[in-house]
Amino acid sequence: MEELKDLVTYILKALVDNQDKVEVKEIAGDKSVIFELRVGEGDLGKVIGKQGRTAQAIRTIISAAAMKLGKRTVLEILD
């Protein structure tokens, strides 16, 4: 699942100003993977986007990538 974590990290770093504050924690289960995201102070809005559209797009991308591996994903954005 390391490639999924790298994908999420890559997408987040492209969106935020403080790339060094991006943290992605992976919690793997049997059939699912949970990604917990933390970003810098002013970058939370950039990750969520207007009406949550950016966050939903990120969820869609990682979900499609995980389907190839036979897994389900959950993306949690922590503040």
Protein backbone atom coordinates (compact mmCIF):
# COMPACT_ATOMS: atom_id res chain seq x y z
CA MET A 1 0.00 0.00 0.00
CA GLU A 2 3.05 2.24 0.01
CA GLU A 3 2.29 3.35 -3.54
CA LEU A 4 -1.13 4.64 -2.45
CA LYS A 5 0.45 6.60 0.40
CA ASP A 6 2.96 8.07 -2.06
CA LEU A 7 0.11 9.04 -4.40
CA VAL A 8 -1.79 10.83 -1.62
CA THR A 9 1.38 12.60 -0.46
CA TYR A 10 2.20 13.70 -4.02
CA ILE A 11 -1.29 15.14 -4.58
CA LEU A 12 -1.29 16.99 -1.25
CA LYS A 13 2.14 18.49 -1.75
CA ALA A 14 1.02 19.84 -5.13
CA LEU A 15 -1.93 21.62 -3.47
CA VAL A 16 -0.42 23.21 -0.36
CA ASP A 17 2.05 26.03 0.30
CA ASN A 18 3.88 24.39 3.23
CA GLN A 19 4.95 21.07 1.72
CA ASP A 20 7.11 20.15 4.70
CA LYS A 21 4.04 20.19 6.99
CA VAL A 22 2.20 17.49 5.01
CA GLU A 23 1.76 14.29 7.02
CA VAL A 24 0.05 11.16 5.73
CA LYS A 25 -0.51 8.31 8.18
CA GLU A 26 -1.59 4.96 6.78
CA ILE A 27 -3.65 2.51 8.83
CA ALA A 28 -3.98 -0.77 6.95
CA GLY A 29 -6.68 -3.34 7.57
CA ASP A 30 -7.52 -6.60 5.79
CA LYS A 31 -9.63 -5.12 3.02
CA SER A 32 -9.36 -1.40 3.66
CA VAL A 33 -6.81 1.32 4.19
CA ILE A 34 -7.38 4.53 6.16
CA PHE A 35 -5.31 7.58 5.35
CA GLU A 36 -5.14 10.32 7.99
CA LEU A 37 -3.99 13.65 6.60
CA ARG A 38 -2.51 16.62 8.40
CA VAL A 39 -1.42 19.83 6.68
CA GLY A 40 -0.07 23.20 7.78
CA GLU A 41 -2.10 25.97 9.40
CA GLY A 42 -3.32 27.83 6.31
CA ASP A 43 -3.50 24.89 3.93
CA LEU A 44 -6.57 23.07 5.23
CA GLY A 45 -8.92 25.08 3.02
CA LYS A 46 -6.86 24.28 -0.07
CA VAL A 47 -7.09 20.55 0.61
CA ILE A 48 -10.84 20.62 1.28
CA GLY A 49 -11.72 23.06 -1.52
CA LYS A 50 -14.97 24.85 -2.18
CA GLN A 51 -17.86 22.77 -0.85
CA GLY A 52 -15.43 19.86 -0.35
CA ARG A 53 -14.87 19.33 -4.06
CA THR A 54 -11.07 19.02 -3.87
CA ALA A 55 -11.26 16.52 -1.01
CA GLN A 56 -13.87 14.52 -2.92
CA ALA A 57 -11.66 14.49 -6.02
CA ILE A 58 -8.72 13.18 -3.97
CA ARG A 59 -10.97 10.48 -2.51
CA THR A 60 -12.09 9.46 -6.00
CA ILE A 61 -8.52 9.19 -7.30
CA ILE A 62 -7.23 7.06 -4.43
CA SER A 63 -10.37 4.93 -4.48
CA ALA A 64 -9.85 4.16 -8.17
CA ALA A 65 -6.18 3.34 -7.58
CA ALA A 66 -7.07 1.10 -4.61
CA MET A 67 -9.69 -0.82 -6.60
CA LYS A 68 -6.89 -2.14 -8.80
CA LEU A 69 -5.30 -3.59 -5.67
CA GLY A 70 -8.60 -4.97 -4.36
CA LYS A 71 -8.74 -2.58 -1.42
CA ARG A 72 -11.11 0.11 -0.16
CA THR A 73 -9.88 3.45 1.10
CA VAL A 74 -11.01 6.06 3.59
CA LEU A 75 -9.53 9.55 3.59
CA GLU A 76 -9.70 11.48 6.86
CA ILE A 77 -8.58 15.10 6.93
CA LEU A 78 -7.49 16.04 10.44
CA ASP A 79 -6.98 19.57 11.69
